[in-house]
Amino acid sequence: MMKRNLFLIIFLISIHFHFESVAQQAILKIACIGDSVTAGYLLSDTAKESYPSQLQTLMGGQYELKNFGHSGATLLRKGSTPYFKTKEYTDAIAYSPDIAIIHLGLNDTDPRN
């Protein structure tokens, strides 16, 4: 878990430096796509505590992060709740992000899938 968090931080820092000149001209849109981890399942205040909200705080005003998490979503098309069949999927596509962070696969390990 610690390695994943470190990887995510390094990844986000590299994105920041890579797009720094572009971000000065326009706000970059980032779609956080995923399952309950992205949605903030069981958090008391997802608007402040979910990882997309935390990333928004860390990355600042040059970026606009939106949360397109759907609890129970699977990456598998034949899974119990395929992400591509959710409203969040449609909304994420319509958002037309510059960057997409995808966190799917956890629910694919469920024996149903």
C-alpha atoms as a PDB file:
ATOM      1  CA  MET A   1       0.000   0.000   0.000  1.00  0.00           C
ATOM      2  CA  MET A   2       2.843   2.361   0.884  1.00  0.00           C
ATOM      3  CA  LYS A   3       4.545   1.668  -2.456  1.00  0.00           C
ATOM      4  CA  ARG A   4       1.317   2.449  -4.309  1.00  0.00           C
ATOM      5  CA  ASN A   5       0.909   5.754  -2.479  1.00  0.00           C
ATOM      6  CA  LEU A   6       4.522   6.676  -3.182  1.00  0.00           C
ATOM      7  CA  PHE A   7       4.064   5.766  -6.852  1.00  0.00           C
ATOM      8  CA  LEU A   8       0.898   7.890  -7.024  1.00  0.00           C
ATOM      9  CA  ILE A   9       2.653  10.888  -5.478  1.00  0.00           C
ATOM     10  CA  ILE A  10       5.615  10.582  -7.852  1.00  0.00           C
ATOM     11  CA  PHE A  11       3.225  10.175 -10.786  1.00  0.00           C
ATOM     12  CA  LEU A  12       1.277  13.284  -9.825  1.00  0.00           C
ATOM     13  CA  ILE A  13       4.429  15.331  -9.351  1.00  0.00           C
ATOM     14  CA  SER A  14       5.638  14.273 -12.807  1.00  0.00           C
ATOM     15  CA  ILE A  15       2.275  15.253 -14.289  1.00  0.00           C
ATOM     16  CA  HIS A  16       2.551  18.609 -12.572  1.00  0.00           C
ATOM     17  CA  PHE A  17       5.977  19.387 -14.037  1.00  0.00           C
ATOM     18  CA  HIS A  18       5.102  17.993 -17.443  1.00  0.00           C
ATOM     19  CA  PHE A  19       2.020  20.148 -17.805  1.00  0.00           C
ATOM     20  CA  GLU A  20       3.226  23.173 -15.849  1.00  0.00           C
ATOM     21  CA  SER A  21       3.541  25.453 -18.881  1.00  0.00           C
ATOM     22  CA  VAL A  22       0.192  24.325 -20.305  1.00  0.00           C
ATOM     23  CA  ALA A  23      -1.502  24.639 -16.926  1.00  0.00           C
ATOM     24  CA  GLN A  24      -0.456  28.290 -16.681  1.00  0.00           C
ATOM     25  CA  GLN A  25      -2.536  28.974 -19.748  1.00  0.00           C
ATOM     26  CA  ALA A  26      -5.591  26.853 -18.922  1.00  0.00           C
ATOM     27  CA  ILE A  27      -6.957  24.663 -16.184  1.00  0.00           C
ATOM     28  CA  LEU A  28      -6.299  20.980 -16.860  1.00  0.00           C
ATOM     29  CA  LYS A  29      -9.255  18.687 -16.286  1.00  0.00           C
ATOM     30  CA  ILE A  30      -8.565  15.405 -14.508  1.00  0.00           C
ATOM     31  CA  ALA A  31     -11.153  12.629 -14.291  1.00  0.00           C
ATOM     32  CA  CYS A  32     -10.777  10.222 -11.372  1.00  0.00           C
ATOM     33  CA  ILE A  33     -12.437   7.037 -12.622  1.00  0.00           C
ATOM     34  CA  GLY A  34     -12.958   4.011 -10.438  1.00  0.00           C
ATOM     35  CA  ASP A  35     -14.809   1.971  -7.880  1.00  0.00           C
ATOM     36  CA  SER A  36     -15.752   2.573  -4.230  1.00  0.00           C
ATOM     37  CA  VAL A  37     -12.187   3.588  -3.344  1.00  0.00           C
ATOM     38  CA  THR A  38     -12.517   6.485  -5.790  1.00  0.00           C
ATOM     39  CA  ALA A  39     -16.124   7.240  -4.829  1.00  0.00           C
ATOM     40  CA  GLY A  40     -15.189   7.430  -1.152  1.00  0.00           C
ATOM     41  CA  TYR A  41     -17.424   4.633   0.115  1.00  0.00           C
ATOM     42  CA  LEU A  42     -17.899   4.751   3.920  1.00  0.00           C
ATOM     43  CA  LEU A  43     -16.213   8.142   4.295  1.00  0.00           C
ATOM     44  CA  SER A  44     -18.186  10.622   6.358  1.00  0.00           C
ATOM     45  CA  ASP A  45     -17.577  13.476   3.890  1.00  0.00           C
ATOM     46  CA  THR A  46     -16.591  12.298   0.418  1.00  0.00           C
ATOM     47  CA  ALA A  47     -16.378  15.878  -0.847  1.00  0.00           C
ATOM     48  CA  LYS A  48     -13.422  16.440   1.494  1.00  0.00           C
ATOM     49  CA  GLU A  49     -12.058  12.979   2.272  1.00  0.00           C
ATOM     50  CA  SER A  50     -12.103  11.005  -0.988  1.00  0.00           C
ATOM     51  CA  TYR A  51      -8.780  10.683  -2.769  1.00  0.00           C
ATOM     52  CA  PRO A  52      -9.924  12.858  -5.722  1.00  0.00           C
ATOM     53  CA  SER A  53     -10.759  15.629  -3.233  1.00  0.00           C
ATOM     54  CA  GLN A  54      -7.407  15.208  -1.514  1.00  0.00           C
ATOM     55  CA  LEU A  55      -5.612  15.339  -4.875  1.00  0.00           C
ATOM     56  CA  GLN A  56      -7.472  18.520  -5.788  1.00  0.00           C
ATOM     57  CA  THR A  57      -6.164  20.120  -2.604  1.00  0.00           C
ATOM     58  CA  LEU A  58      -2.612  18.920  -3.268  1.00  0.00           C
ATOM     59  CA  MET A  59      -2.540  19.935  -6.925  1.00  0.00           C
ATOM     60  CA  GLY A  60      -4.093  23.371  -6.559  1.00  0.00           C
ATOM     61  CA  GLY A  61      -6.145  25.613  -8.755  1.00  0.00           C
ATOM     62  CA  GLN A  62      -4.373  24.862 -12.022  1.00  0.00           C
ATOM     63  CA  TYR A  63      -6.202  21.536 -12.089  1.00  0.00           C
ATOM     64  CA  GLU A  64      -9.856  20.612 -11.892  1.00  0.00           C
ATOM     65  CA  LEU A  65     -10.389  17.105 -10.543  1.00  0.00           C
ATOM     66  CA  LYS A  66     -13.768  15.426 -10.705  1.00  0.00           C
ATOM     67  CA  ASN A  67     -14.771  12.211  -9.008  1.00  0.00           C
ATOM     68  CA  PHE A  68     -16.361   9.631 -11.297  1.00  0.00           C
ATOM     69  CA  GLY A  69     -16.227   6.750  -8.828  1.00  0.00           C
ATOM     70  CA  HIS A  70     -18.976   4.133  -8.718  1.00  0.00           C
ATOM     71  CA  SER A  71     -19.106   1.725  -5.775  1.00  0.00           C
ATOM     72  CA  GLY A  72     -18.952  -1.894  -6.841  1.00  0.00           C
ATOM     73  CA  ALA A  73     -17.774  -1.116 -10.375  1.00  0.00           C
ATOM     74  CA  THR A  74     -15.686  -3.656 -12.231  1.00  0.00           C
ATOM     75  CA  LEU A  75     -13.244  -3.309 -15.073  1.00  0.00           C
ATOM     76  CA  LEU A  76     -14.564  -6.566 -16.525  1.00  0.00           C
ATOM     77  CA  ARG A  77     -17.241  -6.098 -19.162  1.00  0.00           C
ATOM     78  CA  LYS A  78     -18.917  -9.270 -17.881  1.00  0.00           C
ATOM     79  CA  GLY A  79     -18.452  -8.341 -14.212  1.00  0.00           C
ATOM     80  CA  SER A  80     -21.231  -7.842 -11.677  1.00  0.00           C
ATOM     81  CA  THR A  81     -21.256  -4.046 -12.262  1.00  0.00           C
ATOM     82  CA  PRO A  82     -19.263  -3.115 -15.379  1.00  0.00           C
ATOM     83  CA  TYR A  83     -18.017   0.465 -15.117  1.00  0.00           C
ATOM     84  CA  PHE A  84     -18.807   1.174 -18.765  1.00  0.00           C
ATOM     85  CA  LYS A  85     -22.523   0.687 -18.012  1.00  0.00           C
ATOM     86  CA  THR A  86     -22.614   3.312 -15.224  1.00  0.00           C
ATOM     87  CA  LYS A  87     -23.754   6.927 -15.315  1.00  0.00           C
ATOM     88  CA  GLU A  88     -20.308   7.891 -14.005  1.00  0.00           C
ATOM     89  CA  TYR A  89     -18.735   6.422 -17.146  1.00  0.00           C
ATOM     90  CA  THR A  90     -21.019   8.502 -19.366  1.00  0.00           C
ATOM     91  CA  ASP A  91     -20.347  11.593 -17.259  1.00  0.00           C
ATOM     92  CA  ALA A  92     -16.569  11.034 -17.382  1.00  0.00           C
ATOM     93  CA  ILE A  93     -16.650  10.790 -21.183  1.00  0.00           C
ATOM     94  CA  ALA A  94     -18.798  13.924 -21.423  1.00  0.00           C
ATOM     95  CA  TYR A  95     -16.361  15.761 -19.105  1.00  0.00           C
ATOM     96  CA  SER A  96     -13.679  15.310 -21.790  1.00  0.00           C
ATOM     97  CA  PRO A  97     -10.712  15.308 -19.400  1.00  0.00           C
ATOM     98  CA  ASP A  98      -7.122  16.107 -20.301  1.00  0.00           C
ATOM     99  CA  ILE A  99      -5.973  13.362 -17.906  1.00  0.00           C
ATOM    100  CA  ALA A 100      -7.732  10.279 -16.545  1.00  0.00           C
ATOM    101  CA  ILE A 101      -6.670   8.448 -13.394  1.00  0.00           C
ATOM    102  CA  ILE A 102      -8.236   4.993 -13.384  1.00  0.00           C
ATOM    103  CA  HIS A 103      -8.567   2.861 -10.269  1.00  0.00           C
ATOM    104  CA  LEU A 104     -10.519  -0.246 -11.230  1.00  0.00           C
ATOM    105  CA  GLY A 105      -9.941  -3.944 -10.690  1.00  0.00           C
ATOM    106  CA  LEU A 106     -10.549  -4.395  -6.978  1.00  0.00           C
ATOM    107  CA  ASN A 107     -14.095  -5.699  -7.477  1.00  0.00           C
ATOM    108  CA  ASP A 108     -12.942  -7.936 -10.329  1.00  0.00           C
ATOM    109  CA  THR A 109     -11.375 -10.204  -7.703  1.00  0.00           C
ATOM    110  CA  ASP A 110     -14.814 -10.956  -6.230  1.00  0.00           C
ATOM    111  CA  PRO A 111     -15.701 -14.663  -6.811  1.00  0.00           C
ATOM    112  CA  ARG A 112     -18.887 -13.548  -8.638  1.00  0.00           C
ATOM    113  CA  ASN A 113     -16.687 -12.102 -11.332  1.00  0.00           C
END
